Protein backbone atom coordinates (compact mmCIF):
# COMPACT_ATOMS: atom_id res chain seq x y z
CA UNK A 1 -14.25 -0.37 59.46
CA UNK A 2 -12.33 2.57 59.40
CA UNK A 3 -8.71 2.93 57.93
CA UNK A 4 -7.20 2.90 61.28
CA UNK A 5 -9.49 -0.12 62.46
CA UNK A 6 -8.36 -2.14 59.30
CA UNK A 7 -4.39 -1.21 60.43
CA UNK A 8 -4.91 -2.19 64.12
CA UNK A 9 -6.32 -5.35 63.07
CA UNK A 10 -3.20 -6.17 61.18
CA UNK A 11 -3.69 -5.08 57.49
CA UNK A 12 -1.54 -2.57 55.71
CA UNK A 13 -3.13 -0.54 52.72
CA UNK A 14 -0.56 -0.90 49.65
CA UNK A 15 -1.01 2.28 47.83
CA UNK A 16 2.25 4.27 48.35
CA UNK A 17 4.55 1.59 50.06
CA UNK A 18 4.63 -0.79 52.65
CA UNK A 19 6.09 -0.50 55.92
CA UNK A 20 8.57 -3.35 56.36
CA UNK A 21 11.88 -4.24 55.00
CA UNK A 22 12.43 -7.81 55.46
CA UNK A 23 15.85 -9.29 56.20
CA UNK A 24 17.29 -12.41 57.18
CA UNK A 25 18.20 -12.68 61.02
CA UNK A 26 21.13 -11.41 62.53
CA UNK A 27 21.71 -9.74 59.06
CA UNK A 28 23.95 -6.47 59.51
CA UNK A 29 22.22 -3.31 58.12
CA UNK A 30 24.89 -1.37 56.77
CA UNK A 31 25.24 2.20 57.27
CA UNK A 32 26.60 4.64 54.29
CA UNK A 33 27.92 7.83 53.19
CA UNK A 34 27.19 9.96 50.77
CA UNK A 35 27.33 8.54 47.04
CA UNK A 36 29.71 9.80 44.27
CA UNK A 37 28.22 9.60 40.88
CA UNK A 38 30.31 9.70 37.61
CA UNK A 39 27.43 10.13 34.94
CA UNK A 40 28.13 9.23 31.25
CA UNK A 41 26.21 10.88 28.32
CA UNK A 42 24.94 7.25 27.26
CA UNK A 43 22.35 6.29 29.87
CA UNK A 44 24.23 5.14 32.59
CA UNK A 45 26.65 5.87 35.81
CA UNK A 46 29.05 4.78 37.97
CA UNK A 47 27.85 5.05 41.68
CA UNK A 48 30.44 4.82 44.55
CA UNK A 49 29.73 4.70 48.23
CA UNK A 50 30.99 3.22 51.30
CA UNK A 51 29.46 0.38 53.47
CA UNK A 52 30.57 0.21 57.01
CA UNK A 53 31.41 -3.52 57.80
CA UNK A 54 31.55 -5.00 61.43
CA UNK A 55 32.81 -8.31 60.74
CA UNK A 56 32.94 -11.19 62.98
CA UNK A 57 35.12 -13.97 62.24
CA UNK A 58 33.57 -16.65 60.21
CA UNK A 59 30.68 -16.05 57.55
CA UNK A 60 28.64 -12.43 58.07
CA UNK A 61 25.60 -11.43 56.31
CA UNK A 62 25.72 -7.74 55.30
CA UNK A 63 22.69 -5.55 53.50
CA UNK A 64 22.26 -2.41 51.96
CA UNK A 65 19.72 -0.57 50.49
CA UNK A 66 21.98 2.23 48.89
CA UNK A 67 21.65 1.32 45.54
CA UNK A 68 19.25 1.96 42.59
CA UNK A 69 16.51 -0.14 41.01
CA UNK A 70 18.67 -0.21 37.80
CA UNK A 71 21.72 -1.60 39.02
CA UNK A 72 23.68 -3.94 36.80
CA UNK A 73 24.33 -6.84 39.45
CA UNK A 74 27.45 -8.14 38.05
CA UNK A 75 29.27 -4.90 37.81
CA UNK A 76 29.14 -4.36 41.91
CA UNK A 77 32.80 -4.34 43.54
CA UNK A 78 32.90 -4.35 46.99
CA UNK A 79 36.48 -4.12 48.32
CA UNK A 80 38.60 -2.50 50.95
CA UNK A 81 40.26 0.87 49.23
CA UNK A 82 43.13 0.28 51.96
CA UNK A 83 43.68 -3.39 51.24
CA UNK A 84 44.01 -4.26 54.87
CA UNK A 85 41.58 -6.49 55.80
CA UNK A 86 41.43 -9.73 53.54
CA UNK A 87 37.91 -10.40 53.72
CA UNK A 88 36.01 -12.22 50.79
CA UNK A 89 32.59 -12.00 49.23
CA UNK A 90 31.16 -15.58 49.31
CA UNK A 91 27.63 -14.86 47.99
CA UNK A 92 25.83 -11.77 46.45
CA UNK A 93 22.07 -11.32 46.22
CA UNK A 94 20.48 -8.19 44.42
CA UNK A 95 16.41 -7.77 44.93
CA UNK A 96 15.05 -5.00 43.02
CA UNK A 97 11.22 -6.32 43.90
CA UNK A 98 9.87 -2.95 45.15
CA UNK A 99 6.56 -3.60 47.07
CA UNK A 100 3.66 -2.26 44.62
CA UNK A 101 -0.03 -2.96 44.69
CA UNK A 102 0.57 -5.31 41.60
CA UNK A 103 3.26 -7.15 43.94
CA UNK A 104 0.81 -7.68 46.66
CA UNK A 105 -1.82 -8.72 44.37
CA UNK A 106 0.53 -11.59 42.88
CA UNK A 107 1.61 -12.48 46.32
CA UNK A 108 -1.73 -13.08 47.33
CA UNK A 109 -3.02 -14.74 44.02
CA UNK A 110 -5.57 -17.51 44.70
CA UNK A 111 -6.11 -16.25 48.47
CA UNK A 112 -9.22 -14.45 49.95
CA UNK A 113 -8.42 -10.67 51.28
CA UNK A 114 -10.33 -7.67 52.49
CA UNK A 115 -10.96 -4.84 50.17
CA UNK A 116 -12.17 -1.46 51.81
CA UNK A 117 -14.89 0.40 49.72
CA UNK A 118 -15.44 4.12 49.87
CA UNK A 119 -18.67 5.82 49.92
CA UNK A 120 -19.48 9.19 49.18
CA UNK A 121 -21.88 9.91 52.11
CA UNK A 122 -21.18 7.07 54.79
CA UNK A 123 -18.25 5.50 56.30
CA UNK A 124 -15.83 2.91 54.44
CA UNK A 125 -16.97 -0.69 54.47
CA UNK A 126 -15.23 -4.07 54.05
CA UNK A 127 -16.09 -6.45 51.59
CA UNK A 128 -14.13 -9.95 50.90
CA UNK A 129 -12.71 -11.22 47.69
CA UNK A 130 -10.77 -13.90 45.90
CA UNK A 131 -7.86 -12.83 44.02
CA UNK A 132 -8.47 -15.36 41.17
CA UNK A 133 -5.94 -13.53 38.92
CA UNK A 134 -3.46 -11.01 39.76
CA UNK A 135 -2.50 -9.88 36.11
CA UNK A 136 -3.86 -6.79 34.34
CA UNK A 137 -6.63 -6.66 34.33
CA UNK A 138 -7.04 -8.59 37.70
CA UNK A 139 -10.04 -10.93 38.29
CA UNK A 140 -11.80 -11.03 41.60
CA UNK A 141 -14.40 -13.04 42.77
CA UNK A 142 -16.99 -11.67 45.17
CA UNK A 143 -19.79 -13.02 46.60
CA UNK A 144 -20.01 -15.97 43.91
CA UNK A 145 -19.50 -13.64 41.00
CA UNK A 146 -16.54 -12.62 38.84
CA UNK A 147 -15.33 -9.13 38.23
CA UNK A 148 -12.63 -7.42 36.29
CA UNK A 149 -11.96 -4.70 38.59
CA UNK A 150 -10.99 -4.52 42.11
CA UNK A 151 -13.95 -4.17 44.36
CA UNK A 152 -12.00 -1.59 46.57
CA UNK A 153 -8.70 -0.68 48.23
CA UNK A 154 -7.18 -3.83 48.85
CA UNK A 155 -5.96 -4.75 52.31
CA UNK A 156 -3.03 -7.06 53.04
CA UNK A 157 -1.47 -8.42 56.19
CA UNK A 158 1.20 -6.07 57.51
CA UNK A 159 3.34 -9.04 58.33
CA UNK A 160 3.72 -10.24 54.71
CA UNK A 161 7.36 -11.85 54.02
CA UNK A 162 9.05 -10.47 51.43
CA UNK A 163 8.16 -6.81 51.33
CA UNK A 164 11.17 -4.44 50.42
CA UNK A 165 10.56 -0.49 50.51
CA UNK A 166 14.08 -0.14 48.73
CA UNK A 167 16.18 -2.45 46.25
CA UNK A 168 18.65 -4.35 48.43
CA UNK A 169 22.07 -5.79 48.13
CA UNK A 170 22.82 -8.91 50.59
CA UNK A 171 26.23 -10.18 50.79
CA UNK A 172 27.89 -13.49 52.68
CA UNK A 173 30.97 -12.33 53.55
CA UNK A 174 33.69 -14.37 55.26
CA UNK A 175 36.53 -12.82 57.39
CA UNK A 176 39.18 -14.86 59.10
CA UNK A 177 39.19 -12.45 62.10
CA UNK A 178 36.99 -9.59 63.69
CA UNK A 179 37.18 -6.36 61.62
CA UNK A 180 35.68 -3.15 61.15
CA UNK A 181 36.09 -1.05 57.87
CA UNK A 182 34.38 1.33 55.37
CA UNK A 183 34.24 -1.02 52.40
CA UNK A 184 34.22 1.13 49.19
CA UNK A 185 31.06 -0.16 47.23
CA UNK A 186 30.94 0.47 43.14
CA UNK A 187 28.29 -0.55 40.69
CA UNK A 188 26.89 0.53 37.18
CA UNK A 189 23.50 1.96 37.25
CA UNK A 190 21.32 2.73 34.19
CA UNK A 191 18.55 5.61 34.25
CA UNK A 192 21.24 8.49 34.75
CA UNK A 193 22.11 10.84 31.70
CA UNK A 194 23.62 14.22 31.21
CA UNK A 195 23.92 16.39 28.26
CA UNK A 196 25.21 19.86 27.48
CA UNK A 197 23.54 23.02 26.23
CA UNK A 198 24.82 26.02 24.90
CA UNK A 199 23.37 29.71 23.93
CA UNK A 200 25.17 32.13 21.89
CA UNK A 201 23.70 35.66 21.99
CA UNK A 202 24.82 37.42 18.93
CA UNK A 203 24.45 41.19 18.93
CA UNK A 204 22.47 43.32 16.87
CA UNK A 205 22.75 42.11 13.07
CA UNK A 206 24.62 44.95 11.01
CA UNK A 207 24.27 43.18 7.57
CA UNK A 208 28.02 42.46 7.46
CA UNK A 209 29.98 39.39 6.69
CA UNK A 210 32.96 38.95 9.22
CA UNK A 211 33.67 39.20 12.92
CA UNK A 212 31.36 40.18 15.62
CA UNK A 213 31.45 39.99 19.49
CA UNK A 214 28.86 37.73 21.25
CA UNK A 215 28.43 36.01 24.84
CA UNK A 216 28.12 32.03 25.10
CA UNK A 217 26.71 30.32 28.03
CA UNK A 218 26.88 26.29 28.54
CA UNK A 219 24.61 24.32 30.74
CA UNK A 220 24.74 20.92 31.96
CA UNK A 221 21.29 18.87 32.26
CA UNK A 222 21.49 15.90 34.32
CA UNK A 223 18.17 13.46 34.35
CA UNK A 224 17.78 10.95 37.08
CA UNK A 225 15.58 8.23 35.81
CA UNK A 226 16.84 5.46 38.24
CA UNK A 227 14.09 5.33 40.63
CA UNK A 228 16.30 6.37 43.58
CA UNK A 229 17.01 9.44 45.43
CA UNK A 230 20.43 10.49 45.77
CA UNK A 231 21.06 12.73 48.81
CA UNK A 232 23.79 15.30 48.86
CA UNK A 233 25.82 13.19 45.91
CA UNK A 234 29.11 14.46 44.69
CA UNK A 235 28.56 14.40 40.71
CA UNK A 236 31.22 13.88 38.05
CA UNK A 237 30.50 13.87 34.36
CA UNK A 238 32.24 11.84 31.91
CA UNK A 239 32.28 13.15 28.18
CA UNK A 240 33.50 11.44 25.13
CA UNK A 241 32.65 8.01 23.43
CA UNK A 242 33.17 5.43 26.10
CA UNK A 243 32.58 1.49 24.81
CA UNK A 244 29.63 0.23 26.89
CA UNK A 245 27.71 -2.77 25.97
CA UNK A 246 24.15 -2.01 25.80
CA UNK A 247 22.19 -5.37 26.66
CA UNK A 248 20.58 -3.92 30.18
CA UNK A 249 16.93 -4.71 29.88
CA UNK A 250 15.33 -1.84 31.67
CA UNK A 251 11.92 -2.89 33.97
CA UNK A 252 8.77 -1.53 32.40
CA UNK A 253 7.64 -0.22 35.60
CA UNK A 254 10.59 2.14 35.81
CA UNK A 255 10.07 3.37 32.08
CA UNK A 256 7.68 5.94 33.21
CA UNK A 257 9.99 7.67 35.68
CA UNK A 258 11.09 9.66 32.62
CA UNK A 259 8.08 11.39 32.51
CA UNK A 260 6.95 14.61 34.79
CA UNK A 261 10.69 15.86 35.33
CA UNK A 262 10.92 18.66 37.54
CA UNK A 263 13.31 21.44 36.74
CA UNK A 264 15.60 22.59 39.17
CA UNK A 265 18.27 25.38 38.24
CA UNK A 266 21.42 25.54 40.21
CA UNK A 267 23.18 28.63 41.62
CA UNK A 268 26.25 29.19 39.44
CA UNK A 269 29.16 28.69 41.93
CA UNK A 270 31.62 27.05 42.45
CA UNK A 271 32.89 26.81 39.04
CA UNK A 272 32.82 23.49 36.89
CA UNK A 273 36.16 22.23 36.55
CA UNK A 274 37.61 19.82 33.84
CA UNK A 275 40.54 17.46 33.31
CA UNK A 276 41.65 15.07 30.77
CA UNK A 277 41.19 11.64 32.17
CA UNK A 278 42.36 8.44 29.83
CA UNK A 279 41.13 9.39 26.39
CA UNK A 280 38.02 11.09 27.56
CA UNK A 281 37.23 14.36 29.61
CA UNK A 282 35.98 14.51 33.43
CA UNK A 283 34.00 17.31 34.37
CA UNK A 284 33.40 17.82 38.38
CA UNK A 285 30.59 20.16 39.33
CA UNK A 286 32.76 20.81 42.81
CA UNK A 287 30.03 20.68 45.14
CA UNK A 288 27.06 18.05 46.46
CA UNK A 289 23.96 17.89 44.74
CA UNK A 290 20.67 16.43 45.80
CA UNK A 291 18.88 14.40 42.86
CA UNK A 292 15.37 13.17 43.35
CA UNK A 293 14.22 10.57 41.31
CA UNK A 294 12.39 11.68 38.09
CA UNK A 295 14.15 15.07 38.36
CA UNK A 296 16.07 16.98 35.98
CA UNK A 297 19.02 19.40 37.36
CA UNK A 298 20.60 21.87 35.33
CA UNK A 299 24.07 23.51 36.49
CA UNK A 300 25.80 26.50 34.67
CA UNK A 301 29.36 24.97 33.46
CA UNK A 302 30.79 27.73 31.32
CA UNK A 303 30.44 31.49 30.55
CA UNK A 304 32.41 33.53 27.92
CA UNK A 305 31.79 36.93 27.12
CA UNK A 306 32.81 39.15 24.26
CA UNK A 307 33.64 36.21 22.24
CA UNK A 308 34.78 36.78 18.56
CA UNK A 309 32.29 35.18 16.39
CA UNK A 310 32.36 35.02 12.47
CA UNK A 311 29.25 34.47 10.21
CA UNK A 312 29.92 32.70 6.93
CA UNK A 313 27.65 32.16 3.82
CA UNK A 314 28.37 28.95 1.78
CA UNK A 315 26.46 28.07 -1.53
CA UNK A 316 26.70 24.60 -2.33
CA UNK A 317 24.91 24.42 -5.39
CA UNK A 318 24.82 20.85 -6.39
CA UNK A 319 23.97 19.95 -2.75
CA UNK A 320 26.35 16.65 -3.66
CA UNK A 321 28.29 15.05 -0.79
CA UNK A 322 32.13 14.74 -1.36
CA UNK A 323 33.11 11.11 -2.78
CA UNK A 324 36.09 8.96 -2.50
CA UNK A 325 36.59 6.83 -5.76
CA UNK A 326 38.90 4.10 -6.89
CA UNK A 327 41.22 4.67 -9.71
CA UNK A 328 38.68 2.75 -12.10
CA UNK A 329 36.03 5.05 -11.43
CA UNK A 330 34.26 7.58 -13.87
CA UNK A 331 30.74 9.07 -14.54
CA UNK A 332 29.96 10.03 -18.04
CA UNK A 333 26.12 10.96 -17.59
CA UNK A 334 26.20 14.30 -18.58
CA UNK A 335 23.17 15.05 -16.00
CA UNK A 336 24.63 13.32 -13.09
CA UNK A 337 26.73 16.36 -11.81
CA UNK A 338 23.66 18.60 -11.86
CA UNK A 339 22.57 17.38 -8.41
CA UNK A 340 19.20 18.86 -6.72
CA UNK A 341 19.76 22.32 -8.16
CA UNK A 342 19.62 23.92 -4.79
CA UNK A 343 19.24 27.72 -4.51
CA UNK A 344 19.79 28.59 -0.89
CA UNK A 345 22.68 29.70 0.66
CA UNK A 346 23.47 28.22 4.07
CA UNK A 347 24.51 30.55 7.07
CA UNK A 348 26.70 29.69 9.95
CA UNK A 349 28.51 31.00 12.96
CA UNK A 350 32.17 30.18 13.60
CA UNK A 351 33.68 30.28 16.76
CA UNK A 352 37.49 29.32 17.95
CA UNK A 353 37.26 27.36 21.11
CA UNK A 354 40.54 29.14 22.21
CA UNK A 355 41.78 30.92 25.49
CA UNK A 356 42.61 33.83 23.38
CA UNK A 357 38.93 33.95 22.25
CA UNK A 358 37.84 34.01 26.29
CA UNK A 359 37.16 30.22 25.88
CA UNK A 360 39.44 27.25 25.44
CA UNK A 361 37.48 24.69 27.63
CA UNK A 362 37.28 21.26 25.95
CA UNK A 363 33.39 21.18 25.27
CA UNK A 364 31.24 18.07 25.31
CA UNK A 365 28.95 17.23 22.65
CA UNK A 366 25.40 18.98 22.66
CA UNK A 367 22.90 21.50 21.14
CA UNK A 368 23.74 24.96 20.55
CA UNK A 369 20.87 27.62 20.46
CA UNK A 370 21.88 30.79 18.71
CA UNK A 371 20.14 34.21 19.86
CA UNK A 372 20.47 37.92 18.17
CA UNK A 373 19.59 41.37 19.69
CA UNK A 374 17.39 43.20 17.74
CA UNK A 375 17.43 46.91 17.70
CA UNK A 376 15.76 47.24 20.98
CA UNK A 377 18.11 45.33 22.67
CA UNK A 378 15.38 42.03 22.71
CA UNK A 379 16.56 38.45 21.85
CA UNK A 380 15.50 36.42 18.79
CA UNK A 381 15.95 32.96 18.15
CA UNK A 382 17.91 32.67 14.80
CA UNK A 383 18.83 28.93 14.41
CA UNK A 384 20.39 25.89 16.25
CA UNK A 385 22.91 22.87 15.59
CA UNK A 386 24.22 20.06 17.22
CA UNK A 387 28.19 19.93 18.01
CA UNK A 388 30.30 16.76 18.70
CA UNK A 389 33.05 16.85 21.43
CA UNK A 390 35.29 19.58 20.65
CA UNK A 391 38.69 20.10 22.05
CA UNK A 392 40.42 23.33 23.05
CA UNK A 393 41.78 25.26 20.03
CA UNK A 394 38.97 23.85 17.45
CA UNK A 395 36.53 25.92 15.78
CA UNK A 396 32.74 25.26 16.47
CA UNK A 397 30.80 25.64 13.16
CA UNK A 398 27.31 26.54 13.93
CA UNK A 399 24.71 26.28 11.24
CA UNK A 400 21.71 28.47 11.89
CA UNK A 401 19.80 28.04 8.54
CA UNK A 402 19.47 29.49 5.08
CA UNK A 403 20.10 33.39 4.02
CA UNK A 404 16.67 35.15 3.03
CA UNK A 405 18.30 37.67 0.81
CA UNK A 406 21.28 35.73 -0.46
CA UNK A 407 20.64 33.23 -3.23
CA UNK A 408 22.37 31.13 -5.78
CA UNK A 409 21.91 29.70 -9.04
CA UNK A 410 24.03 27.04 -10.84
CA UNK A 411 24.07 25.51 -14.27
CA UNK A 412 26.21 23.47 -16.52
CA UNK A 413 27.39 25.44 -19.60
CA UNK A 414 29.65 22.62 -21.34
CA UNK A 415 30.22 19.00 -21.27
CA UNK A 416 32.27 16.61 -23.55
CA UNK A 417 33.36 12.96 -23.33
CA UNK A 418 36.29 11.55 -25.24
CA UNK A 419 36.26 8.05 -24.88
CA UNK A 420 39.38 7.22 -26.80
CA UNK A 421 41.56 9.86 -24.77
CA UNK A 422 39.54 8.25 -21.58
CA UNK A 423 38.57 11.79 -20.35
CA UNK A 424 35.75 14.42 -20.11
CA UNK A 425 35.62 18.01 -19.91
CA UNK A 426 32.82 19.98 -18.34
CA UNK A 427 31.99 23.56 -17.47
CA UNK A 428 29.87 25.71 -14.89
CA UNK A 429 28.52 28.84 -14.24
CA UNK A 430 27.61 29.73 -10.35
CA UNK A 431 25.91 32.85 -9.99
CA UNK A 432 25.31 34.37 -6.07
CA UNK A 433 22.84 37.33 -5.70
CA UNK A 434 22.77 39.70 -2.64
CA UNK A 435 19.80 41.80 -1.83
CA UNK A 436 21.39 42.79 1.57
CA UNK A 437 22.09 46.52 2.19
CA UNK A 438 25.95 45.49 2.51
CA UNK A 439 28.40 43.11 0.81
CA UNK A 440 28.29 39.46 1.93
CA UNK A 441 31.29 37.39 1.43
CA UNK A 442 30.09 33.79 0.20
CA UNK A 443 32.10 30.58 -0.05
CA UNK A 444 30.96 29.09 -3.36
CA UNK A 445 31.40 24.91 -2.86
CA UNK A 446 31.78 22.62 -5.93
CA UNK A 447 32.28 18.83 -5.81
CA UNK A 448 34.23 17.49 -8.67
CA UNK A 449 33.34 14.11 -8.57
CA UNK A 450 33.19 12.71 -11.89
CA UNK A 451 36.54 11.17 -11.61
CA UNK A 452 39.48 10.52 -9.40
CA UNK A 453 41.71 12.43 -11.64
CA UNK A 454 40.99 16.01 -12.56
CA UNK A 455 42.61 19.51 -13.42
CA UNK A 456 40.97 22.95 -13.15
CA UNK A 457 41.76 24.26 -16.48
CA UNK A 458 40.11 27.47 -16.61
CA UNK A 459 38.61 29.54 -13.62
CA UNK A 460 37.38 33.27 -13.19
CA UNK A 461 38.22 33.39 -9.47
CA UNK A 462 40.77 31.51 -7.14
CA UNK A 463 40.07 28.54 -5.01
CA UNK A 464 41.17 26.27 -2.29
CA UNK A 465 41.01 22.66 -1.91
CA UNK A 466 38.59 21.53 1.06
CA UNK A 467 39.59 17.93 0.34
CA UNK A 468 40.73 15.90 -2.96
CA UNK A 469 37.38 16.40 -4.81
CA UNK A 470 36.16 19.57 -3.19
CA UNK A 471 36.97 23.30 -3.94
CA UNK A 472 35.91 26.39 -2.67
CA UNK A 473 35.65 30.01 -4.17
CA UNK A 474 35.39 32.57 -1.72
CA UNK A 475 33.86 35.64 -3.49
CA UNK A 476 32.55 38.71 -2.47
CA UNK A 477 29.12 39.80 -3.52
CA UNK A 478 28.43 43.38 -3.62
CA UNK A 479 25.24 44.85 -2.02
CA UNK A 480 22.09 44.43 -4.10
CA UNK A 481 24.17 42.96 -6.66
CA UNK A 482 25.68 39.71 -8.04
CA UNK A 483 28.65 37.63 -8.59
CA UNK A 484 29.31 35.10 -11.25
CA UNK A 485 31.89 32.13 -10.69
CA UNK A 486 32.82 30.50 -13.95
CA UNK A 487 35.01 27.30 -14.33
CA UNK A 488 36.16 24.36 -16.42
CA UNK A 489 37.75 21.05 -15.16
CA UNK A 490 39.26 18.21 -17.41
CA UNK A 491 39.23 14.85 -15.91
CA UNK A 492 40.83 11.42 -17.09
CA UNK A 493 41.11 7.89 -15.81
């Protein structure tokens, strides 16, 4: 029997989708407008659309398929935005059981159906098999024998009850009198996420420490793994740490939607705008976007040229973190403060996020990649780092790695404990070497962690405090030379 003969005989081949949406008799299928999405960078979104209601006096049944497969049912809000029609939602049902071959096999478990068998050199034939078990792997009885695979493409009756092409919301709505209105539908859905990425293009290196001019481009990457297409949707993005209880159980059949994404670069205009909203920041793409299920879309949201950037070298010889102690704390082990004897000098780029620096937009958290132009004008990748949400007027600190030609050494030169006087004295020598062709300014960082109370009694160079027990010596290391910092500190408790 050919494929079209099977269909004429009242069967349907379930490979892509069924051809029927079931609903209650007399149910009102709503028409809907384009969806507005506010996407949070925590794998969820707030979806808003309208549902056209044509209510009769009494109880009405209304359905809509303009929802996602990962909707949180108890988050649904259906209301009259103008508060003029006093209708009441008596009951709400949500069905995300989209028809699949597995669903249909379970529906017909224990029954005999037709299977279409394909042949390379002959027309398809039909065999009958009983679905003994539908779960993977399925167990089928064919001609008195059991087999653990389908004998062919299963053919199901086209009149099968309960088949859904799309997830469906169904309401029982009571109205005292007839009314027509465009009701607002809002709900939380999982499977939508966004993140910010930034590309910094620095000029050709001149082997100097200090200011240089570069460009920064920011992109928003949006991923739609909801299992639902959104046509011509208005998209907004919420940046900030919004409290959200992550107890939603994602259906396994939708996990694969995160794979095989398609990149779709959107044109720059119109500009993305932002505004403070509650204790967060809301970014508006200011245009409608079509988001297909499984699609990843990128939109440029900021571009700043001729930005002043500062390259900074930092040497933290101990590699120990800053610590906060109680009044009774003290550490008398002479080897304790030696740390991991780090020799690497870290490099970072600092950028002031200010209008005076051609920036000034609050920047959402994300990854920043840094490129530097070479002598031929090409670009090379020189490092990347993550930034947190950064307000305007704050400074971005972008770690790009460790310097090749600038290194450090650190050694303890003296240590003494006086238990009677409840005190310690310690001295260090920190040496920074520079094999670059130009001087380098290096911030030498030291952590004075042995006790809460300390006093710098000797020092070769001036220092500043980062916090209560971390100091920083900014020193200039000559080209092809070295610089030594020495200091002695007195601890007491």
